[in-house]
PDB file of N, CA and C in Angstrom:
ATOM      1  N   UNK A   1      -2.923  -9.589 -13.619  1.00  0.00           N
ATOM      2  CA  UNK A   1      -1.964 -10.138 -12.675  1.00  0.00           C
ATOM      3  C   UNK A   1      -0.692 -10.485 -13.448  1.00  0.00           C
ATOM      4  N   UNK A   2       0.424 -10.167 -12.867  1.00  0.00           N
ATOM      5  CA  UNK A   2       1.733 -10.511 -13.420  1.00  0.00           C
ATOM      6  C   UNK A   2       2.506 -11.254 -12.349  1.00  0.00           C
ATOM      7  N   UNK A   3       3.542 -11.937 -12.731  1.00  0.00           N
ATOM      8  CA  UNK A   3       4.316 -12.672 -11.744  1.00  0.00           C
ATOM      9  C   UNK A   3       5.730 -12.897 -12.202  1.00  0.00           C
ATOM     10  N   UNK A   4       6.504 -13.498 -11.336  1.00  0.00           N
ATOM     11  CA  UNK A   4       7.883 -13.779 -11.656  1.00  0.00           C
ATOM     12  C   UNK A   4       8.575 -14.438 -10.484  1.00  0.00           C
ATOM     13  N   UNK A   5       9.851 -14.680 -10.659  1.00  0.00           N
ATOM     14  CA  UNK A   5      10.666 -15.265  -9.600  1.00  0.00           C
ATOM     15  C   UNK A   5      11.887 -14.380  -9.410  1.00  0.00           C
ATOM     16  N   UNK A   6      12.424 -14.391  -8.196  1.00  0.00           N
ATOM     17  CA  UNK A   6      13.620 -13.601  -7.938  1.00  0.00           C
ATOM     18  C   UNK A   6      14.428 -14.213  -6.812  1.00  0.00           C
ATOM     19  N   UNK A   7      15.702 -13.922  -6.833  1.00  0.00           N
ATOM     20  CA  UNK A   7      16.602 -14.312  -5.759  1.00  0.00           C
ATOM     21  C   UNK A   7      16.651 -13.161  -4.776  1.00  0.00           C
ATOM     22  N   UNK A   8      16.405 -13.447  -3.530  1.00  0.00           N
ATOM     23  CA  UNK A   8      16.400 -12.407  -2.508  1.00  0.00           C
ATOM     24  C   UNK A   8      17.454 -12.766  -1.452  1.00  0.00           C
ATOM     25  N   UNK A   9      18.372 -11.859  -1.204  1.00  0.00           N
ATOM     26  CA  UNK A   9      19.415 -12.037  -0.197  1.00  0.00           C
ATOM     27  C   UNK A   9      19.223 -10.948   0.839  1.00  0.00           C
ATOM     28  N   UNK A  10      19.206 -11.331   2.122  1.00  0.00           N
ATOM     29  CA  UNK A  10      18.960 -10.323   3.157  1.00  0.00           C
ATOM     30  C   UNK A  10      19.656 -10.685   4.460  1.00  0.00           C
ATOM     31  N   UNK A  11      19.789  -9.690   5.283  1.00  0.00           N
ATOM     32  CA  UNK A  11      20.288  -9.860   6.638  1.00  0.00           C
ATOM     33  C   UNK A  11      19.245  -9.308   7.589  1.00  0.00           C
ATOM     34  N   UNK A  12      19.054  -9.951   8.716  1.00  0.00           N
ATOM     35  CA  UNK A  12      18.033  -9.532   9.671  1.00  0.00           C
ATOM     36  C   UNK A  12      18.585  -9.543  11.079  1.00  0.00           C
ATOM     37  N   UNK A  13      18.150  -8.603  11.858  1.00  0.00           N
ATOM     38  CA  UNK A  13      18.487  -8.570  13.274  1.00  0.00           C
ATOM     39  C   UNK A  13      17.205  -8.349  14.038  1.00  0.00           C
ATOM     40  N   UNK A  14      16.925  -9.223  14.971  1.00  0.00           N
ATOM     41  CA  UNK A  14      15.666  -9.164  15.707  1.00  0.00           C
ATOM     42  C   UNK A  14      15.900  -8.714  17.136  1.00  0.00           C
ATOM     43  N   UNK A  15      14.956  -7.958  17.647  1.00  0.00           N
ATOM     44  CA  UNK A  15      15.017  -7.598  19.063  1.00  0.00           C
ATOM     45  C   UNK A  15      14.148  -8.557  19.877  1.00  0.00           C
ATOM     46  N   UNK A  16      13.519  -9.515  19.184  1.00  0.00           N
ATOM     47  CA  UNK A  16      12.684 -10.501  19.880  1.00  0.00           C
ATOM     48  C   UNK A  16      13.573 -11.466  20.655  1.00  0.00           C
ATOM     49  N   UNK A  17      13.021 -12.132  21.612  1.00  0.00           N
ATOM     50  CA  UNK A  17      13.777 -13.072  22.433  1.00  0.00           C
ATOM     51  C   UNK A  17      13.917 -14.422  21.773  1.00  0.00           C
ATOM     52  N   UNK A  18      14.578 -14.479  20.600  1.00  0.00           N
ATOM     53  CA  UNK A  18      14.806 -15.747  19.926  1.00  0.00           C
ATOM     54  C   UNK A  18      16.257 -16.158  20.104  1.00  0.00           C
ATOM     55  N   UNK A  19      16.518 -17.449  19.897  1.00  0.00           N
ATOM     56  CA  UNK A  19      17.854 -17.995  20.170  1.00  0.00           C
ATOM     57  C   UNK A  19      18.959 -17.307  19.368  1.00  0.00           C
ATOM     58  N   UNK A  20      18.729 -17.037  18.101  1.00  0.00           N
ATOM     59  CA  UNK A  20      19.732 -16.392  17.242  1.00  0.00           C
ATOM     60  C   UNK A  20      19.106 -15.128  16.664  1.00  0.00           C
ATOM     61  N   UNK A  21      19.342 -13.973  17.253  1.00  0.00           N
ATOM     62  CA  UNK A  21      18.677 -12.763  16.764  1.00  0.00           C
ATOM     63  C   UNK A  21      19.263 -12.190  15.471  1.00  0.00           C
ATOM     64  N   UNK A  22      20.388 -12.709  14.981  1.00  0.00           N
ATOM     65  CA  UNK A  22      21.021 -12.219  13.751  1.00  0.00           C
ATOM     66  C   UNK A  22      20.985 -13.320  12.701  1.00  0.00           C
ATOM     67  N   UNK A  23      20.309 -13.069  11.567  1.00  0.00           N
ATOM     68  CA  UNK A  23      20.195 -14.059  10.506  1.00  0.00           C
ATOM     69  C   UNK A  23      20.581 -13.456   9.167  1.00  0.00           C
ATOM     70  N   UNK A  24      21.243 -14.257   8.338  1.00  0.00           N
ATOM     71  CA  UNK A  24      21.508 -13.915   6.951  1.00  0.00           C
ATOM     72  C   UNK A  24      20.771 -14.969   6.133  1.00  0.00           C
ATOM     73  N   UNK A  25      20.109 -14.575   5.047  1.00  0.00           N
ATOM     74  CA  UNK A  25      19.350 -15.559   4.288  1.00  0.00           C
ATOM     75  C   UNK A  25      19.470 -15.337   2.788  1.00  0.00           C
ATOM     76  N   UNK A  26      19.255 -16.416   2.049  1.00  0.00           N
ATOM     77  CA  UNK A  26      19.148 -16.381   0.594  1.00  0.00           C
ATOM     78  C   UNK A  26      17.932 -17.220   0.239  1.00  0.00           C
ATOM     79  N   UNK A  27      16.997 -16.638  -0.510  1.00  0.00           N
ATOM     80  CA  UNK A  27      15.752 -17.328  -0.840  1.00  0.00           C
ATOM     81  C   UNK A  27      15.410 -17.129  -2.308  1.00  0.00           C
ATOM     82  N   UNK A  28      14.714 -18.101  -2.858  1.00  0.00           N
ATOM     83  CA  UNK A  28      14.158 -17.977  -4.200  1.00  0.00           C
ATOM     84  C   UNK A  28      12.658 -17.818  -4.008  1.00  0.00           C
ATOM     85  N   UNK A  29      12.157 -16.638  -4.339  1.00  0.00           N
ATOM     86  CA  UNK A  29      10.746 -16.326  -4.122  1.00  0.00           C
ATOM     87  C   UNK A  29       9.979 -16.245  -5.426  1.00  0.00           C
ATOM     88  N   UNK A  30       8.760 -16.734  -5.397  1.00  0.00           N
ATOM     89  CA  UNK A  30       7.808 -16.485  -6.479  1.00  0.00           C
ATOM     90  C   UNK A  30       7.010 -15.263  -6.039  1.00  0.00           C
ATOM     91  N   UNK A  31       6.700 -14.387  -6.978  1.00  0.00           N
ATOM     92  CA  UNK A  31       5.978 -13.167  -6.640  1.00  0.00           C
ATOM     93  C   UNK A  31       4.838 -12.951  -7.636  1.00  0.00           C
ATOM     94  N   UNK A  32       3.661 -12.625  -7.123  1.00  0.00           N
ATOM     95  CA  UNK A  32       2.511 -12.288  -7.952  1.00  0.00           C
ATOM     96  C   UNK A  32       2.153 -10.829  -7.711  1.00  0.00           C
ATOM     97  N   UNK A  33       2.026 -10.062  -8.795  1.00  0.00           N
ATOM     98  CA  UNK A  33       1.662  -8.639  -8.723  1.00  0.00           C
ATOM     99  C   UNK A  33       0.201  -8.467  -9.126  1.00  0.00           C
ATOM    100  N   UNK A  34      -0.535  -7.702  -8.341  1.00  0.00           N
ATOM    101  CA  UNK A  34      -1.931  -7.424  -8.605  1.00  0.00           C
ATOM    102  C   UNK A  34      -2.095  -5.914  -8.756  1.00  0.00           C
ATOM    103  N   UNK A  35      -2.327  -5.441  -9.983  1.00  0.00           N
ATOM    104  CA  UNK A  35      -2.481  -3.998 -10.186  1.00  0.00           C
ATOM    105  C   UNK A  35      -3.684  -3.452  -9.407  1.00  0.00           C
ATOM    106  N   UNK A  36      -3.517  -2.248  -8.902  1.00  0.00           N
ATOM    107  CA  UNK A  36      -4.573  -1.528  -8.208  1.00  0.00           C
ATOM    108  C   UNK A  36      -4.890  -0.316  -9.076  1.00  0.00           C
ATOM    109  N   UNK A  37      -6.098   0.196  -8.985  1.00  0.00           N
ATOM    110  CA  UNK A  37      -6.451   1.380  -9.768  1.00  0.00           C
ATOM    111  C   UNK A  37      -5.427   2.469  -9.492  1.00  0.00           C
ATOM    112  N   UNK A  38      -4.862   3.016 -10.539  1.00  0.00           N
ATOM    113  CA  UNK A  38      -3.783   3.995 -10.405  1.00  0.00           C
ATOM    114  C   UNK A  38      -2.444   3.307 -10.603  1.00  0.00           C
ATOM    115  N   UNK A  39      -1.432   3.819  -9.975  1.00  0.00           N
ATOM    116  CA  UNK A  39      -0.062   3.375 -10.195  1.00  0.00           C
ATOM    117  C   UNK A  39       0.373   2.178  -9.365  1.00  0.00           C
ATOM    118  N   UNK A  40       0.022   2.057  -8.098  1.00  0.00           N
ATOM    119  CA  UNK A  40       0.640   1.001  -7.289  1.00  0.00           C
ATOM    120  C   UNK A  40       0.149  -0.398  -7.669  1.00  0.00           C
ATOM    121  N   UNK A  41       0.950  -1.385  -7.296  1.00  0.00           N
ATOM    122  CA  UNK A  41       0.583  -2.797  -7.425  1.00  0.00           C
ATOM    123  C   UNK A  41       0.766  -3.440  -6.064  1.00  0.00           C
ATOM    124  N   UNK A  42      -0.157  -4.308  -5.699  1.00  0.00           N
ATOM    125  CA  UNK A  42      -0.064  -5.106  -4.481  1.00  0.00           C
ATOM    126  C   UNK A  42       0.656  -6.393  -4.859  1.00  0.00           C
ATOM    127  N   UNK A  43       1.511  -6.920  -3.975  1.00  0.00           N
ATOM    128  CA  UNK A  43       2.162  -8.190  -4.293  1.00  0.00           C
ATOM    129  C   UNK A  43       2.082  -9.165  -3.139  1.00  0.00           C
ATOM    130  N   UNK A  44       2.099 -10.433  -3.504  1.00  0.00           N
ATOM    131  CA  UNK A  44       2.253 -11.552  -2.571  1.00  0.00           C
ATOM    132  C   UNK A  44       3.468 -12.324  -3.048  1.00  0.00           C
ATOM    133  N   UNK A  45       4.282 -12.797  -2.105  1.00  0.00           N
ATOM    134  CA  UNK A  45       5.473 -13.543  -2.490  1.00  0.00           C
ATOM    135  C   UNK A  45       5.798 -14.578  -1.428  1.00  0.00           C
ATOM    136  N   UNK A  46       6.619 -15.524  -1.803  1.00  0.00           N
ATOM    137  CA  UNK A  46       7.045 -16.526  -0.838  1.00  0.00           C
ATOM    138  C   UNK A  46       7.944 -17.545  -1.491  1.00  0.00           C
ATOM    139  N   UNK A  47       8.691 -18.254  -0.661  1.00  0.00           N
ATOM    140  CA  UNK A  47       9.556 -19.293  -1.186  1.00  0.00           C
ATOM    141  C   UNK A  47      10.488 -19.865  -0.140  1.00  0.00           C
ATOM    142  N   UNK A  48      11.211 -20.908  -0.532  1.00  0.00           N
ATOM    143  CA  UNK A  48      12.168 -21.545   0.366  1.00  0.00           C
ATOM    144  C   UNK A  48      13.478 -20.773   0.415  1.00  0.00           C
ATOM    145  N   UNK A  49      14.225 -21.004   1.484  1.00  0.00           N
ATOM    146  CA  UNK A  49      15.514 -20.347   1.603  1.00  0.00           C
ATOM    147  C   UNK A  49      16.445 -21.059   2.561  1.00  0.00           C
ATOM    148  N   UNK A  50      17.665 -20.609   2.566  1.00  0.00           N
ATOM    149  CA  UNK A  50      18.686 -21.087   3.500  1.00  0.00           C
ATOM    150  C   UNK A  50      18.986 -19.934   4.448  1.00  0.00           C
ATOM    151  N   UNK A  51      19.022 -20.223   5.734  1.00  0.00           N
ATOM    152  CA  UNK A  51      19.247 -19.213   6.774  1.00  0.00           C
ATOM    153  C   UNK A  51      20.508 -19.567   7.554  1.00  0.00           C
ATOM    154  N   UNK A  52      21.360 -18.561   7.762  1.00  0.00           N
ATOM    155  CA  UNK A  52      22.587 -18.729   8.527  1.00  0.00           C
ATOM    156  C   UNK A  52      22.534 -17.828   9.750  1.00  0.00           C
ATOM    157  N   UNK A  53      22.600 -18.397  10.965  1.00  0.00           N
ATOM    158  CA  UNK A  53      22.656 -17.537  12.145  1.00  0.00           C
ATOM    159  C   UNK A  53      24.062 -16.973  12.305  1.00  0.00           C
ATOM    160  N   UNK A  54      24.161 -15.842  12.966  1.00  0.00           N
ATOM    161  CA  UNK A  54      25.483 -15.302  13.274  1.00  0.00           C
ATOM    162  C   UNK A  54      26.180 -16.333  14.146  1.00  0.00           C
ATOM    163  N   UNK A  55      27.327 -16.782  13.715  1.00  0.00           N
ATOM    164  CA  UNK A  55      28.044 -17.787  14.479  1.00  0.00           C
ATOM    165  C   UNK A  55      28.118 -19.139  13.790  1.00  0.00           C
ATOM    166  N   UNK A  56      27.473 -19.310  12.610  1.00  0.00           N
ATOM    167  CA  UNK A  56      27.667 -20.535  11.847  1.00  0.00           C
ATOM    168  C   UNK A  56      26.438 -21.387  11.668  1.00  0.00           C
ATOM    169  N   UNK A  57      26.637 -22.467  10.899  1.00  0.00           N
ATOM    170  CA  UNK A  57      25.560 -23.406  10.589  1.00  0.00           C
ATOM    171  C   UNK A  57      24.628 -22.870   9.521  1.00  0.00           C
ATOM    172  N   UNK A  58      23.866 -23.748   8.909  1.00  0.00           N
ATOM    173  CA  UNK A  58      22.852 -23.324   7.946  1.00  0.00           C
ATOM    174  C   UNK A  58      21.588 -24.133   8.190  1.00  0.00           C
ATOM    175  N   UNK A  59      20.451 -23.511   7.922  1.00  0.00           N
ATOM    176  CA  UNK A  59      19.164 -24.142   8.201  1.00  0.00           C
ATOM    177  C   UNK A  59      18.176 -23.805   7.094  1.00  0.00           C
ATOM    178  N   UNK A  60      17.333 -24.786   6.740  1.00  0.00           N
ATOM    179  CA  UNK A  60      16.280 -24.571   5.762  1.00  0.00           C
ATOM    180  C   UNK A  60      15.152 -23.781   6.411  1.00  0.00           C
ATOM    181  N   UNK A  61      14.538 -22.899   5.638  1.00  0.00           N
ATOM    182  CA  UNK A  61      13.386 -22.151   6.111  1.00  0.00           C
ATOM    183  C   UNK A  61      12.572 -21.654   4.941  1.00  0.00           C
ATOM    184  N   UNK A  62      11.592 -20.842   5.233  1.00  0.00           N
ATOM    185  CA  UNK A  62      10.769 -20.268   4.175  1.00  0.00           C
ATOM    186  C   UNK A  62      10.277 -18.903   4.603  1.00  0.00           C
ATOM    187  N   UNK A  63       9.789 -18.140   3.633  1.00  0.00           N
ATOM    188  CA  UNK A  63       9.227 -16.831   3.935  1.00  0.00           C
ATOM    189  C   UNK A  63       7.973 -16.612   3.099  1.00  0.00           C
ATOM    190  N   UNK A  64       7.057 -15.839   3.652  1.00  0.00           N
ATOM    191  CA  UNK A  64       5.838 -15.403   2.983  1.00  0.00           C
ATOM    192  C   UNK A  64       5.745 -13.906   3.185  1.00  0.00           C
ATOM    193  N   UNK A  65       5.403 -13.170   2.135  1.00  0.00           N
ATOM    194  CA  UNK A  65       5.378 -11.723   2.270  1.00  0.00           C
ATOM    195  C   UNK A  65       4.292 -11.072   1.444  1.00  0.00           C
ATOM    196  N   UNK A  66       4.089  -9.790   1.735  1.00  0.00           N
ATOM    197  CA  UNK A  66       3.118  -8.967   1.013  1.00  0.00           C
ATOM    198  C   UNK A  66       3.587  -7.525   1.064  1.00  0.00           C
ATOM    199  N   UNK A  67       3.115  -6.735   0.111  1.00  0.00           N
ATOM    200  CA  UNK A  67       3.488  -5.332   0.113  1.00  0.00           C
ATOM    201  C   UNK A  67       2.986  -4.625  -1.123  1.00  0.00           C
ATOM    202  N   UNK A  68       3.594  -3.476  -1.404  1.00  0.00           N
ATOM    203  CA  UNK A  68       3.203  -2.642  -2.530  1.00  0.00           C
ATOM    204  C   UNK A  68       4.424  -2.248  -3.347  1.00  0.00           C
ATOM    205  N   UNK A  69       4.222  -2.115  -4.655  1.00  0.00           N
ATOM    206  CA  UNK A  69       5.236  -1.566  -5.546  1.00  0.00           C
ATOM    207  C   UNK A  69       4.648  -0.331  -6.218  1.00  0.00           C
ATOM    208  N   UNK A  70       5.453   0.701  -6.325  1.00  0.00           N
ATOM    209  CA  UNK A  70       5.047   1.954  -6.943  1.00  0.00           C
ATOM    210  C   UNK A  70       5.985   2.227  -8.113  1.00  0.00           C
ATOM    211  N   UNK A  71       5.423   2.334  -9.322  1.00  0.00           N
ATOM    212  CA  UNK A  71       6.246   2.584 -10.505  1.00  0.00           C
ATOM    213  C   UNK A  71       6.761   4.015 -10.499  1.00  0.00           C
ATOM    214  N   UNK A  72       8.048   4.158 -10.782  1.00  0.00           N
ATOM    215  CA  UNK A  72       8.681   5.464 -10.961  1.00  0.00           C
ATOM    216  C   UNK A  72       8.997   5.584 -12.443  1.00  0.00           C
ATOM    217  N   UNK A  73       9.918   6.427 -12.806  1.00  0.00           N
ATOM    218  CA  UNK A  73      10.364   6.472 -14.203  1.00  0.00           C
ATOM    219  C   UNK A  73      11.000   5.128 -14.547  1.00  0.00           C
ATOM    220  N   UNK A  74      10.613   4.558 -15.685  1.00  0.00           N
ATOM    221  CA  UNK A  74      11.133   3.250 -16.085  1.00  0.00           C
ATOM    222  C   UNK A  74      12.660   3.290 -16.071  1.00  0.00           C
ATOM    223  N   UNK A  75      13.321   2.282 -15.618  1.00  0.00           N
ATOM    224  CA  UNK A  75      12.884   0.965 -15.196  1.00  0.00           C
ATOM    225  C   UNK A  75      12.813   0.816 -13.667  1.00  0.00           C
ATOM    226  N   UNK A  76      12.566   1.872 -12.939  1.00  0.00           N
ATOM    227  CA  UNK A  76      12.625   1.838 -11.471  1.00  0.00           C
ATOM    228  C   UNK A  76      11.248   1.683 -10.827  1.00  0.00           C
ATOM    229  N   UNK A  77      11.234   0.973  -9.691  1.00  0.00           N
ATOM    230  CA  UNK A  77      10.028   0.828  -8.881  1.00  0.00           C
ATOM    231  C   UNK A  77      10.447   0.887  -7.409  1.00  0.00           C
ATOM    232  N   UNK A  78       9.602   1.478  -6.579  1.00  0.00           N
ATOM    233  CA  UNK A  78       9.799   1.443  -5.129  1.00  0.00           C
ATOM    234  C   UNK A  78       8.998   0.271  -4.582  1.00  0.00           C
ATOM    235  N   UNK A  79       9.563  -0.413  -3.595  1.00  0.00           N
ATOM    236  CA  UNK A  79       8.853  -1.535  -2.986  1.00  0.00           C
ATOM    237  C   UNK A  79       8.848  -1.369  -1.477  1.00  0.00           C
ATOM    238  N   UNK A  80       7.696  -1.581  -0.867  1.00  0.00           N
ATOM    239  CA  UNK A  80       7.521  -1.539   0.586  1.00  0.00           C
ATOM    240  C   UNK A  80       6.752  -2.787   0.967  1.00  0.00           C
ATOM    241  N   UNK A  81       7.311  -3.578   1.867  1.00  0.00           N
ATOM    242  CA  UNK A  81       6.637  -4.822   2.215  1.00  0.00           C
ATOM    243  C   UNK A  81       7.089  -5.387   3.543  1.00  0.00           C
ATOM    244  N   UNK A  82       6.480  -6.516   3.885  1.00  0.00           N
ATOM    245  CA  UNK A  82       6.806  -7.242   5.112  1.00  0.00           C
ATOM    246  C   UNK A  82       6.881  -8.728   4.778  1.00  0.00           C
ATOM    247  N   UNK A  83       7.825  -9.413   5.396  1.00  0.00           N
ATOM    248  CA  UNK A  83       7.989 -10.862   5.206  1.00  0.00           C
ATOM    249  C   UNK A  83       7.951 -11.570   6.551  1.00  0.00           C
ATOM    250  N   UNK A  84       7.231 -12.681   6.586  1.00  0.00           N
ATOM    251  CA  UNK A  84       7.228 -13.581   7.737  1.00  0.00           C
ATOM    252  C   UNK A  84       8.207 -14.700   7.419  1.00  0.00           C
ATOM    253  N   UNK A  85       9.170 -14.941   8.302  1.00  0.00           N
ATOM    254  CA  UNK A  85      10.181 -15.980   8.109  1.00  0.00           C
ATOM    255  C   UNK A  85       9.981 -17.073   9.155  1.00  0.00           C
ATOM    256  N   UNK A  86      10.176 -18.319   8.739  1.00  0.00           N
ATOM    257  CA  UNK A  86      10.056 -19.456   9.657  1.00  0.00           C
ATOM    258  C   UNK A  86      11.217 -20.394   9.394  1.00  0.00           C
ATOM    259  N   UNK A  87      11.912 -20.769  10.466  1.00  0.00           N
ATOM    260  CA  UNK A  87      13.032 -21.710  10.402  1.00  0.00           C
ATOM    261  C   UNK A  87      12.665 -22.871  11.322  1.00  0.00           C
ATOM    262  N   UNK A  88      12.008 -23.908  10.782  1.00  0.00           N
ATOM    263  CA  UNK A  88      11.459 -24.983  11.622  1.00  0.00           C
ATOM    264  C   UNK A  88      12.482 -25.688  12.511  1.00  0.00           C
ATOM    265  N   UNK A  89      13.664 -25.994  12.000  1.00  0.00           N
ATOM    266  CA  UNK A  89      14.638 -26.754  12.795  1.00  0.00           C
ATOM    267  C   UNK A  89      15.129 -25.975  14.011  1.00  0.00           C
ATOM    268  N   UNK A  90      15.021 -24.653  13.983  1.00  0.00           N
ATOM    269  CA  UNK A  90      15.457 -23.816  15.097  1.00  0.00           C
ATOM    270  C   UNK A  90      14.278 -23.299  15.916  1.00  0.00           C
ATOM    271  N   UNK A  91      13.073 -23.679  15.496  1.00  0.00           N
ATOM    272  CA  UNK A  91      11.847 -23.199  16.138  1.00  0.00           C
ATOM    273  C   UNK A  91      11.854 -21.669  16.230  1.00  0.00           C
ATOM    274  N   UNK A  92      12.326 -21.020  15.169  1.00  0.00           N
ATOM    275  CA  UNK A  92      12.387 -19.554  15.100  1.00  0.00           C
ATOM    276  C   UNK A  92      11.454 -19.038  14.029  1.00  0.00           C
ATOM    277  N   UNK A  93      10.859 -17.915  14.320  1.00  0.00           N
ATOM    278  CA  UNK A  93      10.062 -17.192  13.343  1.00  0.00           C
ATOM    279  C   UNK A  93      10.182 -15.707  13.652  1.00  0.00           C
ATOM    280  N   UNK A  94      10.179 -14.903  12.597  1.00  0.00           N
ATOM    281  CA  UNK A  94      10.301 -13.467  12.796  1.00  0.00           C
ATOM    282  C   UNK A  94       9.742 -12.734  11.594  1.00  0.00           C
ATOM    283  N   UNK A  95       9.499 -11.463  11.757  1.00  0.00           N
ATOM    284  CA  UNK A  95       8.944 -10.607  10.719  1.00  0.00           C
ATOM    285  C   UNK A  95       9.985  -9.567  10.336  1.00  0.00           C
ATOM    286  N   UNK A  96      10.147  -9.341   9.034  1.00  0.00           N
ATOM    287  CA  UNK A  96      11.049  -8.282   8.572  1.00  0.00           C
ATOM    288  C   UNK A  96      10.255  -7.286   7.739  1.00  0.00           C
ATOM    289  N   UNK A  97      10.669  -6.043   7.793  1.00  0.00           N
ATOM    290  CA  UNK A  97      10.102  -4.979   6.965  1.00  0.00           C
ATOM    291  C   UNK A  97      11.167  -4.548   5.988  1.00  0.00           C
ATOM    292  N   UNK A  98      10.777  -4.259   4.747  1.00  0.00           N
ATOM    293  CA  UNK A  98      11.767  -3.823   3.778  1.00  0.00           C
ATOM    294  C   UNK A  98      11.251  -2.665   2.946  1.00  0.00           C
ATOM    295  N   UNK A  99      12.186  -1.862   2.527  1.00  0.00           N
ATOM    296  CA  UNK A  99      11.932  -0.756   1.615  1.00  0.00           C
ATOM    297  C   UNK A  99      13.072  -0.784   0.619  1.00  0.00           C
ATOM    298  N   UNK A 100      12.760  -0.777  -0.664  1.00  0.00           N
ATOM    299  CA  UNK A 100      13.837  -0.859  -1.637  1.00  0.00           C
ATOM    300  C   UNK A 100      13.491  -0.249  -2.971  1.00  0.00           C
ATOM    301  N   UNK A 101      14.506  -0.146  -3.803  1.00  0.00           N
ATOM    302  CA  UNK A 101      14.350   0.328  -5.177  1.00  0.00           C
ATOM    303  C   UNK A 101      14.641  -0.856  -6.085  1.00  0.00           C
ATOM    304  N   UNK A 102      13.699  -1.160  -6.982  1.00  0.00           N
ATOM    305  CA  UNK A 102      13.862  -2.263  -7.930  1.00  0.00           C
ATOM    306  C   UNK A 102      14.280  -1.708  -9.286  1.00  0.00           C
ATOM    307  N   UNK A 103      15.171  -2.418  -9.947  1.00  0.00           N
ATOM    308  CA  UNK A 103      15.619  -2.059 -11.295  1.00  0.00           C
ATOM    309  C   UNK A 103      15.157  -3.174 -12.221  1.00  0.00           C
ATOM    310  N   UNK A 104      14.294  -2.860 -13.160  1.00  0.00           N
ATOM    311  CA  UNK A 104      13.781  -3.908 -14.077  1.00  0.00           C
ATOM    312  C   UNK A 104      14.166  -3.593 -15.481  1.00  0.00           C
TER     313      UNK A 104
END
């Protein structure tokens, strides 16, 4: 098992019937990587963040996520995952899917 921390900045748009369907967020996540036989690694991550709805204001929230990382030629990795976001003061929660390239 390996782990680390990272700053994650994202924008989200939801089609769900929530009060503010457009959110921008910045979070500090802890991430744990669990190697699987072969190349991919499974990960769990989560942490606190600040969420800004389209139109102003800022709110504390958190996210929890899981997914897979696939090593490419060093130093690149592909990541595919899903994050659950919760913003208690706004009674909002939503799920985001992400696909990205990591540079390590």
